[in-house]
Amino acid sequence: DNPAVFREAYRVLKPGGRMVVSDIVLTKTLPEPVAQSLSAYVGCIAGASLLEHYLSDVRSAGFRDVKATVKNAFDVLTMDDPIVSAAVASCDNEEVDLDDMKNSVVSATVIAYKIQ
């Protein structure tokens, strides 16, 4: 529950405090079969938030000067991870454009400040 976590982080920080979080986020919505895949959820893909929603949750908690840096994009089609590979393989029989999600899973670092 990211919104609750960000609200609590905001609550406990002193004014002028900084929050730095690294997380796996999405740059675009996953195809429905992947989003509903238990393997993708266990592999931390299906449960990831869209980056724009993630940043909105941080701002909604009260943080200001919110900045995100995308560090790595993960090619989920060639990852050497059996859980992620199982999620991708489960889409073989579906009409899903897997290339569309190729680099949509990224690692992002978010920095935000408690101004007041």
N, C-alpha and C. Protein backbone atom coordinates (compact mmCIF):
# COMPACT_ATOMS: atom_id res chain seq x y z
N ASP A 1 0.85 -1.18 0.00
CA ASP A 1 0.00 0.00 0.00
C ASP A 1 0.89 1.24 0.00
N ASN A 2 1.39 1.61 -1.18
CA ASN A 2 2.31 2.74 -1.30
C ASN A 2 1.77 4.04 -0.71
N PRO A 3 0.53 4.42 -0.96
CA PRO A 3 0.06 5.68 -0.37
C PRO A 3 0.20 5.73 1.15
N ALA A 4 -0.12 4.64 1.83
CA ALA A 4 0.00 4.61 3.29
C ALA A 4 1.46 4.70 3.73
N VAL A 5 2.33 4.04 3.01
CA VAL A 5 3.77 4.08 3.33
C VAL A 5 4.30 5.50 3.16
N PHE A 6 3.93 6.15 2.07
CA PHE A 6 4.42 7.52 1.84
C PHE A 6 3.84 8.50 2.85
N ARG A 7 2.59 8.33 3.24
CA ARG A 7 1.99 9.20 4.27
C ARG A 7 2.74 9.03 5.60
N GLU A 8 3.06 7.79 5.94
CA GLU A 8 3.78 7.55 7.20
C GLU A 8 5.20 8.12 7.14
N ALA A 9 5.86 7.95 6.02
CA ALA A 9 7.21 8.53 5.87
C ALA A 9 7.15 10.04 6.02
N TYR A 10 6.15 10.66 5.43
CA TYR A 10 5.99 12.10 5.55
C TYR A 10 5.74 12.51 7.00
N ARG A 11 4.91 11.73 7.68
CA ARG A 11 4.56 12.04 9.07
C ARG A 11 5.79 12.02 9.98
N VAL A 12 6.68 11.06 9.79
CA VAL A 12 7.80 10.90 10.73
C VAL A 12 9.01 11.76 10.38
N LEU A 13 9.06 12.29 9.17
CA LEU A 13 10.19 13.15 8.81
C LEU A 13 10.08 14.53 9.46
N LYS A 14 11.23 15.07 9.83
CA LYS A 14 11.27 16.45 10.30
C LYS A 14 11.12 17.38 9.10
N PRO A 15 10.64 18.60 9.33
CA PRO A 15 10.60 19.57 8.24
C PRO A 15 11.99 19.72 7.62
N GLY A 16 12.04 19.72 6.32
CA GLY A 16 13.32 19.77 5.61
C GLY A 16 13.90 18.39 5.35
N GLY A 17 13.23 17.35 5.89
CA GLY A 17 13.72 15.98 5.72
C GLY A 17 13.56 15.48 4.28
N ARG A 18 14.33 14.47 3.97
CA ARG A 18 14.35 13.92 2.62
C ARG A 18 14.03 12.43 2.65
N MET A 19 13.24 11.98 1.70
CA MET A 19 12.96 10.56 1.52
C MET A 19 13.59 10.13 0.20
N VAL A 20 14.31 9.02 0.24
CA VAL A 20 14.88 8.43 -0.97
C VAL A 20 14.42 6.99 -1.03
N VAL A 21 13.79 6.62 -2.16
CA VAL A 21 13.23 5.28 -2.32
C VAL A 21 13.66 4.74 -3.68
N SER A 22 14.09 3.49 -3.71
CA SER A 22 14.32 2.80 -4.98
C SER A 22 13.28 1.70 -5.10
N ASP A 23 12.70 1.58 -6.29
CA ASP A 23 11.63 0.61 -6.46
C ASP A 23 11.55 0.19 -7.93
N ILE A 24 10.86 -0.89 -8.17
CA ILE A 24 10.55 -1.34 -9.52
C ILE A 24 9.22 -0.72 -9.91
N VAL A 25 9.20 -0.02 -11.03
CA VAL A 25 7.98 0.63 -11.52
C VAL A 25 7.82 0.33 -13.01
N LEU A 26 6.68 0.72 -13.53
CA LEU A 26 6.37 0.50 -14.95
C LEU A 26 6.30 1.82 -15.69
N THR A 27 6.77 1.82 -16.92
CA THR A 27 6.66 3.02 -17.74
C THR A 27 5.39 2.98 -18.59
N LYS A 28 4.77 1.82 -18.71
CA LYS A 28 3.48 1.68 -19.41
C LYS A 28 2.74 0.49 -18.82
N THR A 29 1.45 0.49 -19.03
CA THR A 29 0.60 -0.57 -18.49
C THR A 29 0.97 -1.92 -19.09
N LEU A 30 0.98 -2.95 -18.26
CA LEU A 30 1.28 -4.30 -18.73
C LEU A 30 0.08 -4.88 -19.48
N PRO A 31 0.34 -5.76 -20.43
CA PRO A 31 -0.78 -6.48 -21.06
C PRO A 31 -1.56 -7.25 -20.00
N GLU A 32 -2.87 -7.33 -20.15
CA GLU A 32 -3.73 -7.94 -19.14
C GLU A 32 -3.30 -9.34 -18.71
N PRO A 33 -2.93 -10.25 -19.63
CA PRO A 33 -2.50 -11.59 -19.18
C PRO A 33 -1.28 -11.55 -18.26
N VAL A 34 -0.38 -10.61 -18.49
CA VAL A 34 0.81 -10.48 -17.63
C VAL A 34 0.40 -9.85 -16.30
N ALA A 35 -0.43 -8.82 -16.36
CA ALA A 35 -0.88 -8.15 -15.13
C ALA A 35 -1.63 -9.11 -14.21
N GLN A 36 -2.31 -10.10 -14.78
CA GLN A 36 -3.08 -11.07 -13.98
C GLN A 36 -2.27 -12.32 -13.64
N SER A 37 -1.05 -12.40 -14.10
CA SER A 37 -0.23 -13.60 -13.90
C SER A 37 0.32 -13.67 -12.47
N LEU A 38 0.10 -14.79 -11.83
CA LEU A 38 0.65 -14.99 -10.48
C LEU A 38 2.17 -14.98 -10.53
N SER A 39 2.75 -15.57 -11.56
CA SER A 39 4.22 -15.56 -11.70
C SER A 39 4.74 -14.14 -11.83
N ALA A 40 4.05 -13.30 -12.59
CA ALA A 40 4.48 -11.91 -12.74
C ALA A 40 4.34 -11.16 -11.43
N TYR A 41 3.33 -11.49 -10.64
CA TYR A 41 3.16 -10.85 -9.34
C TYR A 41 4.29 -11.26 -8.39
N VAL A 42 4.57 -12.55 -8.36
CA VAL A 42 5.64 -13.06 -7.49
C VAL A 42 6.98 -12.48 -7.93
N GLY A 43 7.15 -12.27 -9.23
CA GLY A 43 8.38 -11.70 -9.77
C GLY A 43 8.46 -10.18 -9.66
N CYS A 44 7.54 -9.58 -8.91
CA CYS A 44 7.51 -8.13 -8.64
C CYS A 44 7.23 -7.29 -9.87
N ILE A 45 6.61 -7.88 -10.89
CA ILE A 45 6.28 -7.12 -12.09
C ILE A 45 4.82 -6.72 -12.08
N ALA A 46 3.92 -7.69 -11.89
CA ALA A 46 2.49 -7.40 -11.93
C ALA A 46 2.07 -6.47 -10.79
N GLY A 47 2.77 -6.48 -9.69
CA GLY A 47 2.42 -5.62 -8.57
C GLY A 47 3.04 -4.24 -8.62
N ALA A 48 3.87 -3.99 -9.64
CA ALA A 48 4.53 -2.69 -9.76
C ALA A 48 3.54 -1.62 -10.22
N SER A 49 3.76 -0.41 -9.76
CA SER A 49 2.92 0.73 -10.13
C SER A 49 3.47 1.42 -11.37
N LEU A 50 2.60 2.08 -12.09
CA LEU A 50 3.07 2.97 -13.15
C LEU A 50 3.85 4.11 -12.49
N LEU A 51 4.94 4.51 -13.10
CA LEU A 51 5.78 5.56 -12.53
C LEU A 51 4.98 6.82 -12.24
N GLU A 52 4.11 7.22 -13.15
CA GLU A 52 3.33 8.45 -12.94
C GLU A 52 2.39 8.33 -11.74
N HIS A 53 1.83 7.13 -11.51
CA HIS A 53 0.97 6.92 -10.33
C HIS A 53 1.81 6.91 -9.06
N TYR A 54 2.98 6.30 -9.13
CA TYR A 54 3.90 6.23 -7.99
C TYR A 54 4.25 7.66 -7.54
N LEU A 55 4.63 8.50 -8.49
CA LEU A 55 5.01 9.88 -8.16
C LEU A 55 3.81 10.67 -7.64
N SER A 56 2.65 10.40 -8.18
CA SER A 56 1.42 11.05 -7.69
C SER A 56 1.15 10.67 -6.24
N ASP A 57 1.38 9.39 -5.90
CA ASP A 57 1.19 8.95 -4.51
C ASP A 57 2.16 9.66 -3.57
N VAL A 58 3.40 9.87 -4.02
CA VAL A 58 4.40 10.58 -3.20
C VAL A 58 3.94 12.02 -2.98
N ARG A 59 3.51 12.67 -4.04
CA ARG A 59 3.05 14.06 -3.92
C ARG A 59 1.79 14.16 -3.06
N SER A 60 0.89 13.21 -3.21
CA SER A 60 -0.36 13.22 -2.43
C SER A 60 -0.10 13.08 -0.93
N ALA A 61 1.02 12.46 -0.57
CA ALA A 61 1.38 12.32 0.84
C ALA A 61 1.88 13.63 1.42
N GLY A 62 2.16 14.62 0.56
CA GLY A 62 2.60 15.92 1.04
C GLY A 62 4.01 16.30 0.60
N PHE A 63 4.74 15.37 0.00
CA PHE A 63 6.11 15.65 -0.40
C PHE A 63 6.15 16.65 -1.55
N ARG A 64 7.24 17.42 -1.60
CA ARG A 64 7.47 18.40 -2.66
C ARG A 64 8.84 18.15 -3.28
N ASP A 65 9.10 18.85 -4.37
CA ASP A 65 10.36 18.69 -5.11
C ASP A 65 10.64 17.21 -5.40
N VAL A 66 9.62 16.54 -5.89
CA VAL A 66 9.71 15.10 -6.16
C VAL A 66 10.41 14.89 -7.50
N LYS A 67 11.47 14.10 -7.46
CA LYS A 67 12.23 13.80 -8.67
C LYS A 67 12.47 12.30 -8.76
N ALA A 68 12.37 11.78 -9.98
CA ALA A 68 12.61 10.36 -10.21
C ALA A 68 13.73 10.21 -11.23
N THR A 69 14.60 9.26 -10.97
CA THR A 69 15.65 8.90 -11.91
C THR A 69 15.48 7.44 -12.25
N VAL A 70 15.29 7.16 -13.54
CA VAL A 70 15.19 5.78 -13.98
C VAL A 70 16.60 5.27 -14.19
N LYS A 71 16.94 4.19 -13.48
CA LYS A 71 18.31 3.69 -13.52
C LYS A 71 18.49 2.54 -14.51
N ASN A 72 17.58 1.59 -14.53
CA ASN A 72 17.72 0.42 -15.39
C ASN A 72 16.37 0.06 -15.98
N ALA A 73 16.38 -0.31 -17.24
CA ALA A 73 15.20 -0.91 -17.85
C ALA A 73 15.48 -2.40 -17.96
N PHE A 74 14.49 -3.20 -17.65
CA PHE A 74 14.66 -4.65 -17.68
C PHE A 74 13.95 -5.23 -18.90
N ASP A 75 14.69 -5.92 -19.73
CA ASP A 75 14.09 -6.58 -20.88
C ASP A 75 13.47 -7.87 -20.37
N VAL A 76 12.18 -7.83 -20.07
CA VAL A 76 11.51 -8.99 -19.47
C VAL A 76 11.44 -10.18 -20.42
N LEU A 77 11.69 -9.95 -21.70
CA LEU A 77 11.65 -11.05 -22.66
C LEU A 77 12.90 -11.91 -22.60
N THR A 78 14.01 -11.34 -22.11
CA THR A 78 15.27 -12.08 -22.08
C THR A 78 15.87 -12.19 -20.68
N MET A 79 15.11 -11.79 -19.65
CA MET A 79 15.64 -11.86 -18.29
C MET A 79 15.97 -13.28 -17.90
N ASP A 80 17.05 -13.43 -17.18
CA ASP A 80 17.46 -14.75 -16.70
C ASP A 80 16.87 -14.96 -15.30
N ASP A 81 15.55 -14.97 -15.25
CA ASP A 81 14.82 -15.15 -13.99
C ASP A 81 13.69 -16.12 -14.26
N PRO A 82 13.70 -17.29 -13.62
CA PRO A 82 12.68 -18.30 -13.93
C PRO A 82 11.25 -17.85 -13.65
N ILE A 83 11.05 -17.01 -12.66
CA ILE A 83 9.69 -16.55 -12.34
C ILE A 83 9.19 -15.60 -13.43
N VAL A 84 10.02 -14.66 -13.83
CA VAL A 84 9.63 -13.73 -14.88
C VAL A 84 9.46 -14.48 -16.20
N SER A 85 10.36 -15.40 -16.48
CA SER A 85 10.25 -16.20 -17.71
C SER A 85 8.95 -16.97 -17.75
N ALA A 86 8.52 -17.50 -16.60
CA ALA A 86 7.24 -18.22 -16.54
C ALA A 86 6.07 -17.29 -16.83
N ALA A 87 6.14 -16.07 -16.34
CA ALA A 87 5.07 -15.10 -16.59
C ALA A 87 4.99 -14.76 -18.08
N VAL A 88 6.14 -14.55 -18.70
CA VAL A 88 6.17 -14.24 -20.13
C VAL A 88 5.70 -15.45 -20.94
N ALA A 89 6.15 -16.64 -20.55
CA ALA A 89 5.75 -17.86 -21.27
C ALA A 89 4.25 -18.09 -21.19
N SER A 90 3.64 -17.68 -20.10
CA SER A 90 2.20 -17.88 -19.94
C SER A 90 1.40 -17.06 -20.95
N CYS A 91 2.04 -16.10 -21.59
CA CYS A 91 1.37 -15.24 -22.56
C CYS A 91 1.50 -15.77 -23.99
N ASP A 92 2.23 -16.86 -24.18
CA ASP A 92 2.46 -17.37 -25.54
C ASP A 92 1.18 -17.67 -26.29
N ASN A 93 0.17 -18.14 -25.59
CA ASN A 93 -1.09 -18.51 -26.25
C ASN A 93 -2.07 -17.35 -26.31
N GLU A 94 -1.72 -16.22 -25.76
CA GLU A 94 -2.58 -15.04 -25.74
C GLU A 94 -2.21 -14.13 -26.92
N GLU A 95 -3.13 -13.29 -27.30
CA GLU A 95 -2.82 -12.28 -28.32
C GLU A 95 -2.25 -11.06 -27.62
N VAL A 96 -0.96 -11.14 -27.31
CA VAL A 96 -0.28 -10.09 -26.57
C VAL A 96 0.96 -9.68 -27.34
N ASP A 97 1.16 -8.38 -27.50
CA ASP A 97 2.36 -7.87 -28.14
C ASP A 97 3.43 -7.76 -27.06
N LEU A 98 4.21 -8.82 -26.90
CA LEU A 98 5.23 -8.84 -25.86
C LEU A 98 6.31 -7.79 -26.09
N ASP A 99 6.59 -7.47 -27.35
CA ASP A 99 7.59 -6.44 -27.62
C ASP A 99 7.18 -5.10 -27.04
N ASP A 100 5.88 -4.88 -26.91
CA ASP A 100 5.38 -3.63 -26.36
C ASP A 100 5.77 -3.45 -24.90
N MET A 101 5.95 -4.55 -24.18
CA MET A 101 6.32 -4.44 -22.76
C MET A 101 7.80 -4.70 -22.52
N LYS A 102 8.54 -4.87 -23.57
CA LYS A 102 9.94 -5.28 -23.49
C LYS A 102 10.75 -4.52 -22.43
N ASN A 103 10.75 -3.20 -22.48
CA ASN A 103 11.54 -2.41 -21.53
C ASN A 103 10.67 -1.52 -20.65
N SER A 104 9.45 -1.96 -20.38
CA SER A 104 8.53 -1.14 -19.59
C SER A 104 8.70 -1.35 -18.08
N VAL A 105 9.51 -2.30 -17.67
CA VAL A 105 9.80 -2.53 -16.25
C VAL A 105 11.15 -1.88 -15.95
N VAL A 106 11.14 -0.93 -15.03
CA VAL A 106 12.36 -0.17 -14.75
C VAL A 106 12.61 -0.05 -13.25
N SER A 107 13.85 0.21 -12.93
CA SER A 107 14.23 0.54 -11.56
C SER A 107 14.31 2.06 -11.48
N ALA A 108 13.65 2.64 -10.50
CA ALA A 108 13.65 4.09 -10.36
C ALA A 108 14.02 4.46 -8.93
N THR A 109 14.75 5.55 -8.81
CA THR A 109 15.05 6.13 -7.51
C THR A 109 14.28 7.45 -7.42
N VAL A 110 13.52 7.58 -6.35
CA VAL A 110 12.69 8.77 -6.14
C VAL A 110 13.23 9.53 -4.93
N ILE A 111 13.41 10.82 -5.10
CA ILE A 111 13.83 11.69 -4.00
C ILE A 111 12.74 12.74 -3.82
N ALA A 112 12.32 12.94 -2.56
CA ALA A 112 11.26 13.89 -2.26
C ALA A 112 11.54 14.53 -0.90
N TYR A 113 11.03 15.74 -0.71
CA TYR A 113 11.31 16.51 0.51
C TYR A 113 10.04 16.90 1.25
N LYS A 114 10.18 16.95 2.56
CA LYS A 114 9.12 17.50 3.42
C LYS A 114 9.50 18.96 3.65
N ILE A 115 8.76 19.85 3.02
CA ILE A 115 9.11 21.27 3.05
C ILE A 115 8.72 21.93 4.36
N GLN A 116 7.50 21.75 4.82
CA GLN A 116 7.03 22.46 6.01
C GLN A 116 7.57 21.92 7.30
